[in-house]
């Protein structure tokens, strides 16, 4: 297999195409020179050239008789957007076009240098396999972040956890939009809806391996979506419980002051009988202060027996 970097000259590319080996050309960007190279040297169909200039497409595989046009995605990191890679695969060449840096392409090239096989579909397999496998570290990091956010929710929930949960939910939605059609793309190639040049029963095993990886990723995405949704519900439940505790505490305080306000208002009436007969120190401490202390003690005892505060015993309902 010949691998030519993006600085390769057009005459060298044309010369490499005439050889019997598979040529892999990795192109960064879709500038006019790249488009002219695809059109004039590789004879790519105008519709495929038009598609490769429009990024943010869903994964797909289209058969153009003498070559197959594929759109696949790979991951670089948890907080980084997915990288879109356009591939043109034929019997004697593999052209990849992307705009962002994609370490998985370099990984695929290194894997190919260690493989000794004449099957050219294996080159496409290693490329797609590197793109697919790049999603596993991202999902593992996402799993760790979900666990950390869940621990923080039960320890001390705040707006940061809520923002993190919504951000992870958006990431999972974006990932699902890519993984599901990419899995379907592999299914169409396995079902021979799209015919890969040089594919045999032996090389079909490689495609089944890719399909299995994509199913695993799809299941992981669905599981993490459930975890994030459950974390959101847990966040709302914890916040609601804390709000209920605050409301209960305020209610207890208000309830304690209710009889005190009544007693203070009752004995504060300016009736002559009260003024003339309740004026001693004993009456002040016994009736004025004593009734209020008794009321507070009675209410606190009731609250404890009902289990509204402390470790009191709540009544069982039949």
Protein backbone atom coordinates (compact mmCIF):
# COMPACT_ATOMS: atom_id res chain seq x y z
CA UNK A 1 0.00 0.00 0.00
CA UNK A 2 1.22 3.50 -0.87
CA UNK A 3 0.40 6.35 1.49
CA UNK A 4 0.87 9.90 0.17
CA UNK A 5 0.59 12.88 2.49
CA UNK A 6 -1.32 16.06 1.54
CA UNK A 7 1.92 17.77 0.32
CA UNK A 8 2.28 15.16 -2.45
CA UNK A 9 2.45 16.57 -5.94
CA UNK A 10 -0.09 15.77 -8.61
CA UNK A 11 2.39 13.97 -10.92
CA UNK A 12 3.45 11.70 -8.05
CA UNK A 13 -0.16 10.89 -7.30
CA UNK A 14 -0.90 10.05 -10.93
CA UNK A 15 2.18 7.85 -11.01
CA UNK A 16 1.18 6.03 -7.80
CA UNK A 17 -2.29 5.35 -9.21
CA UNK A 18 -0.75 3.39 -12.07
CA UNK A 19 0.93 0.99 -9.66
CA UNK A 20 -0.69 -2.20 -8.48
CA UNK A 21 -0.70 -1.19 -4.82
CA UNK A 22 -3.54 0.56 -3.04
CA UNK A 23 -2.95 4.30 -2.78
CA UNK A 24 -4.11 6.07 0.38
CA UNK A 25 -4.26 9.83 0.06
CA UNK A 26 -5.18 11.84 3.16
CA UNK A 27 -6.40 15.39 2.42
CA UNK A 28 -7.07 18.15 4.94
CA UNK A 29 -9.71 20.63 3.77
CA UNK A 30 -11.70 21.11 0.59
CA UNK A 31 -9.83 23.91 -1.15
CA UNK A 32 -10.04 24.33 -4.96
CA UNK A 33 -6.86 22.29 -5.50
CA UNK A 34 -8.34 19.37 -3.55
CA UNK A 35 -11.56 19.53 -5.54
CA UNK A 36 -9.64 19.65 -8.82
CA UNK A 37 -7.56 16.65 -7.71
CA UNK A 38 -10.67 14.63 -6.90
CA UNK A 39 -12.37 15.58 -10.15
CA UNK A 40 -9.50 15.32 -12.63
CA UNK A 41 -7.18 12.65 -11.19
CA UNK A 42 -9.49 10.31 -9.26
CA UNK A 43 -12.50 10.90 -11.57
CA UNK A 44 -14.89 11.33 -8.66
CA UNK A 45 -18.53 11.83 -9.63
CA UNK A 46 -19.70 15.51 -9.48
CA UNK A 47 -22.46 14.64 -6.97
CA UNK A 48 -19.93 13.05 -4.63
CA UNK A 49 -17.63 16.08 -5.00
CA UNK A 50 -20.56 18.35 -4.16
CA UNK A 51 -21.32 16.29 -1.06
CA UNK A 52 -17.73 16.32 0.15
CA UNK A 53 -17.77 20.13 0.17
CA UNK A 54 -20.80 20.14 2.48
CA UNK A 55 -19.80 18.98 5.93
CA UNK A 56 -22.14 18.28 8.90
CA UNK A 57 -23.69 15.37 6.99
CA UNK A 58 -25.09 12.20 8.47
CA UNK A 59 -23.00 9.01 8.06
CA UNK A 60 -23.79 7.26 4.81
CA UNK A 61 -22.44 4.97 2.10
CA UNK A 62 -23.21 5.53 -1.58
CA UNK A 63 -22.23 3.28 -4.47
CA UNK A 64 -20.93 5.04 -7.62
CA UNK A 65 -20.10 1.86 -9.59
CA UNK A 66 -16.33 2.29 -9.72
CA UNK A 67 -15.96 3.66 -6.18
CA UNK A 68 -17.85 3.95 -2.90
CA UNK A 69 -18.38 7.26 -1.12
CA UNK A 70 -18.62 7.09 2.69
CA UNK A 71 -19.12 9.62 5.46
CA UNK A 72 -17.99 8.50 8.92
CA UNK A 73 -17.26 10.16 12.26
CA UNK A 74 -14.61 9.80 14.92
CA UNK A 75 -13.97 11.35 18.34
CA UNK A 76 -11.02 13.28 19.72
CA UNK A 77 -12.10 13.96 23.30
CA UNK A 78 -15.03 14.36 25.63
CA UNK A 79 -15.45 18.11 25.29
CA UNK A 80 -14.44 18.30 21.63
CA UNK A 81 -16.80 17.99 18.66
CA UNK A 82 -16.84 14.85 16.57
CA UNK A 83 -14.68 14.86 13.44
CA UNK A 84 -16.34 14.20 10.09
CA UNK A 85 -14.32 12.19 7.56
CA UNK A 86 -15.31 11.73 3.91
CA UNK A 87 -13.90 8.63 2.21
CA UNK A 88 -13.62 7.62 -1.45
CA UNK A 89 -12.76 3.95 -1.78
CA UNK A 90 -12.04 2.14 -5.03
CA UNK A 91 -10.09 -0.90 -6.15
CA UNK A 92 -6.82 1.03 -6.37
CA UNK A 93 -7.20 4.05 -4.07
CA UNK A 94 -8.54 5.29 -0.75
CA UNK A 95 -8.95 9.05 -0.36
CA UNK A 96 -9.90 10.60 2.99
CA UNK A 97 -10.99 14.22 3.31
CA UNK A 98 -11.46 16.01 6.63
CA UNK A 99 -11.21 19.55 7.98
CA UNK A 100 -10.23 18.97 11.61
CA UNK A 101 -7.30 17.06 13.04
CA UNK A 102 -8.15 13.39 13.54
CA UNK A 103 -5.60 11.26 15.47
CA UNK A 104 -7.53 8.10 14.54
CA UNK A 105 -6.33 8.42 10.93
CA UNK A 106 -2.71 8.29 12.07
CA UNK A 107 -3.60 5.29 14.25
CA UNK A 108 -5.11 3.51 11.24
CA UNK A 109 -1.98 4.19 9.19
CA UNK A 110 0.24 2.75 11.91
CA UNK A 111 -1.98 -0.33 12.14
CA UNK A 112 -1.72 -0.86 8.39
CA UNK A 113 2.07 -0.75 8.46
CA UNK A 114 2.00 -3.76 10.81
CA UNK A 115 -0.47 -5.78 8.72
CA UNK A 116 0.79 -8.12 6.03
CA UNK A 117 -2.16 -8.80 3.76
CA UNK A 118 -3.01 -8.28 0.13
CA UNK A 119 -6.69 -7.64 0.86
CA UNK A 120 -7.29 -3.98 0.13
CA UNK A 121 -10.59 -3.80 1.98
CA UNK A 122 -8.53 -4.20 5.15
CA UNK A 123 -7.22 -0.66 4.66
CA UNK A 124 -10.76 0.72 4.74
CA UNK A 125 -11.52 -1.50 7.72
CA UNK A 126 -8.59 -0.13 9.74
CA UNK A 127 -9.64 3.43 8.93
CA UNK A 128 -13.26 2.91 9.96
CA UNK A 129 -12.20 0.81 12.95
CA UNK A 130 -9.94 3.58 14.24
CA UNK A 131 -12.74 6.12 13.84
CA UNK A 132 -15.22 3.90 15.66
CA UNK A 133 -12.82 2.86 18.43
CA UNK A 134 -11.95 6.52 19.10
CA UNK A 135 -15.43 6.85 20.62
CA UNK A 136 -14.77 4.33 23.41
CA UNK A 137 -12.31 6.53 25.40
CA UNK A 138 -14.72 9.45 25.08
CA UNK A 139 -17.58 7.33 26.42
CA UNK A 140 -15.38 6.04 29.27
CA UNK A 141 -14.55 9.63 30.25
CA UNK A 142 -18.25 10.49 30.02
CA UNK A 143 -19.06 7.59 32.34
CA UNK A 144 -16.56 8.88 34.92
CA UNK A 145 -18.02 12.38 34.67
CA UNK A 146 -21.56 11.08 35.20
CA UNK A 147 -20.40 9.23 38.34
CA UNK A 148 -18.68 12.36 39.66
CA UNK A 149 -21.74 14.52 39.03
CA UNK A 150 -24.01 11.97 40.72
CA UNK A 151 -21.77 11.92 43.81
CA UNK A 152 -21.83 15.71 43.94
CA UNK A 153 -25.62 15.78 43.56
CA UNK A 154 -26.13 13.72 46.72
CA UNK A 155 -23.39 15.62 48.58
CA UNK A 156 -24.21 19.25 47.74
CA UNK A 157 -26.28 19.90 44.60
CA UNK A 158 -25.99 23.29 42.92
CA UNK A 159 -26.43 24.88 39.51
CA UNK A 160 -23.05 23.59 38.29
CA UNK A 161 -24.27 19.98 38.42
CA UNK A 162 -27.46 20.89 36.60
CA UNK A 163 -25.49 22.65 33.86
CA UNK A 164 -23.12 19.67 33.56
CA UNK A 165 -26.03 17.24 33.23
CA UNK A 166 -27.64 19.24 30.43
CA UNK A 167 -24.28 19.55 28.65
CA UNK A 168 -23.77 15.77 28.82
CA UNK A 169 -27.30 15.19 27.60
CA UNK A 170 -26.64 17.39 24.56
CA UNK A 171 -23.40 15.48 23.89
CA UNK A 172 -25.21 12.16 24.02
CA UNK A 173 -27.94 13.42 21.68
CA UNK A 174 -25.31 14.59 19.18
CA UNK A 175 -23.46 11.28 19.49
CA UNK A 176 -26.63 9.27 18.95
CA UNK A 177 -27.36 11.25 15.78
CA UNK A 178 -24.03 9.99 14.45
CA UNK A 179 -23.78 6.46 15.86
CA UNK A 180 -27.20 5.25 14.73
CA UNK A 181 -26.80 6.13 11.02
CA UNK A 182 -23.17 4.96 11.08
CA UNK A 183 -24.39 1.60 12.39
CA UNK A 184 -27.02 1.51 9.64
CA UNK A 185 -24.31 2.33 7.10
CA UNK A 186 -22.34 -0.73 8.16
CA UNK A 187 -25.53 -2.79 7.96
CA UNK A 188 -26.10 -1.75 4.34
CA UNK A 189 -22.56 -2.80 3.42
CA UNK A 190 -23.01 -6.15 5.15
CA UNK A 191 -26.34 -6.67 3.39
CA UNK A 192 -24.62 -5.90 0.05
CA UNK A 193 -26.91 -2.93 -0.58
CA UNK A 194 -23.66 -1.03 -1.12
CA UNK A 195 -21.01 -3.16 -2.82
CA UNK A 196 -17.43 -2.56 -1.70
CA UNK A 197 -14.79 -3.19 -4.36
CA UNK A 198 -12.72 -6.24 -3.48
CA UNK A 199 -14.99 -7.45 -0.67
CA UNK A 200 -15.02 -11.20 -0.12
CA UNK A 201 -16.45 -13.54 2.50
CA UNK A 202 -13.13 -13.31 4.31
CA UNK A 203 -13.09 -9.51 4.41
CA UNK A 204 -16.77 -9.45 5.37
CA UNK A 205 -15.70 -10.61 8.81
CA UNK A 206 -13.94 -7.27 9.28
CA UNK A 207 -17.16 -5.41 8.52
CA UNK A 208 -19.09 -7.55 10.98
CA UNK A 209 -16.52 -6.63 13.62
CA UNK A 210 -17.15 -2.93 12.92
CA UNK A 211 -20.88 -3.49 13.07
CA UNK A 212 -20.49 -5.18 16.46
CA UNK A 213 -18.48 -2.23 17.80
CA UNK A 214 -21.12 0.23 16.63
CA UNK A 215 -23.88 -1.80 18.30
CA UNK A 216 -21.90 -1.69 21.55
CA UNK A 217 -21.43 2.07 21.24
CA UNK A 218 -25.13 2.54 20.48
CA UNK A 219 -26.06 0.52 23.59
CA UNK A 220 -23.61 2.53 25.71
CA UNK A 221 -25.06 5.81 24.46
CA UNK A 222 -28.59 4.66 25.34
CA UNK A 223 -27.40 3.52 28.79
CA UNK A 224 -25.67 6.83 29.48
CA UNK A 225 -28.75 8.74 28.35
CA UNK A 226 -30.76 6.80 30.93
CA UNK A 227 -28.10 7.54 33.57
CA UNK A 228 -28.16 11.26 32.79
CA UNK A 229 -31.96 11.32 32.83
CA UNK A 230 -31.91 9.48 36.15
CA UNK A 231 -29.35 11.96 37.48
CA UNK A 232 -31.60 14.84 36.47
CA UNK A 233 -34.49 13.23 38.32
CA UNK A 234 -32.24 12.63 41.34
CA UNK A 235 -31.13 16.28 41.26
CA UNK A 236 -34.72 17.51 41.21
CA UNK A 237 -35.64 15.06 43.98
CA UNK A 238 -32.75 16.12 46.24
CA UNK A 239 -33.48 19.81 45.68
CA UNK A 240 -37.18 19.23 46.31
CA UNK A 241 -36.44 17.32 49.52
CA UNK A 242 -34.19 20.11 50.75
CA UNK A 243 -36.89 22.63 49.94
CA UNK A 244 -39.38 20.53 51.89
CA UNK A 245 -37.00 20.41 54.87
CA UNK A 246 -36.64 24.20 54.82
CA UNK A 247 -40.40 24.61 54.50
CA UNK A 248 -40.96 22.22 57.42
CA UNK A 249 -38.49 24.11 59.60
CA UNK A 250 -40.12 27.43 58.81
CA UNK A 251 -43.53 25.92 59.50
CA UNK A 252 -42.36 24.64 62.90
CA UNK A 253 -41.02 28.09 63.80
CA UNK A 254 -44.25 29.77 62.70
CA UNK A 255 -46.34 27.22 64.60
CA UNK A 256 -44.34 27.79 67.80
CA UNK A 257 -44.82 31.53 67.59
CA UNK A 258 -48.56 31.21 66.89
CA UNK A 259 -49.64 30.49 70.55
CA UNK A 260 -47.03 32.95 71.81
CA UNK A 261 -48.56 35.67 69.66
CA UNK A 262 -52.03 34.73 70.93
CA UNK A 263 -51.00 34.82 74.60
CA UNK A 264 -49.10 38.06 74.18
CA UNK A 265 -52.05 39.66 72.41
CA UNK A 266 -54.58 38.36 74.96
CA UNK A 267 -52.76 39.61 78.05
CA UNK A 268 -51.81 42.80 76.25
CA UNK A 269 -55.45 43.99 76.10
CA UNK A 270 -56.05 47.28 77.92
CA UNK A 271 -59.01 46.15 80.02
CA UNK A 272 -59.24 47.54 83.54
CA UNK A 273 -59.89 44.12 85.08
CA UNK A 274 -56.67 42.74 83.62
CA UNK A 275 -54.68 45.81 84.53
CA UNK A 276 -55.97 45.91 88.13
CA UNK A 277 -55.73 42.18 88.96
CA UNK A 278 -52.66 40.97 87.06
CA UNK A 279 -49.90 43.22 88.18
CA UNK A 280 -47.70 41.26 90.58
CA UNK A 281 -44.33 39.67 89.77
CA UNK A 282 -45.73 36.21 90.47
CA UNK A 283 -48.55 36.79 87.96
CA UNK A 284 -46.05 38.04 85.38
CA UNK A 285 -43.73 35.06 85.69
CA UNK A 286 -46.46 32.50 86.31
CA UNK A 287 -49.08 33.55 83.81
CA UNK A 288 -47.19 35.74 81.36
CA UNK A 289 -43.95 33.77 81.00
CA UNK A 290 -45.12 30.40 82.30
CA UNK A 291 -47.97 29.89 79.83
CA UNK A 292 -45.66 30.71 76.92
CA UNK A 293 -42.99 28.27 78.14
CA UNK A 294 -45.61 25.56 78.60
CA UNK A 295 -46.97 26.20 75.10
CA UNK A 296 -43.50 25.91 73.55
CA UNK A 297 -42.67 22.71 75.46
CA UNK A 298 -46.01 21.16 74.51
CA UNK A 299 -45.54 21.96 70.83
CA UNK A 300 -41.95 20.65 70.76
CA UNK A 301 -43.07 17.44 72.47
CA UNK A 302 -45.87 17.04 69.93
CA UNK A 303 -43.49 17.62 67.00
CA UNK A 304 -41.06 15.01 68.31
CA UNK A 305 -43.79 12.43 68.88
CA UNK A 306 -45.06 13.01 65.34
CA UNK A 307 -41.53 12.62 63.92
CA UNK A 308 -41.47 16.11 62.46
CA UNK A 309 -38.18 16.96 64.15
CA UNK A 310 -35.39 14.98 65.76
CA UNK A 311 -35.74 11.20 66.08
CA UNK A 312 -39.24 11.17 67.39
CA UNK A 313 -41.74 8.36 66.83
CA UNK A 314 -44.30 8.98 64.13
CA UNK A 315 -47.74 7.54 64.44
CA UNK A 316 -48.56 4.61 62.21
CA UNK A 317 -51.60 4.94 60.05
CA UNK A 318 -53.85 1.98 59.51
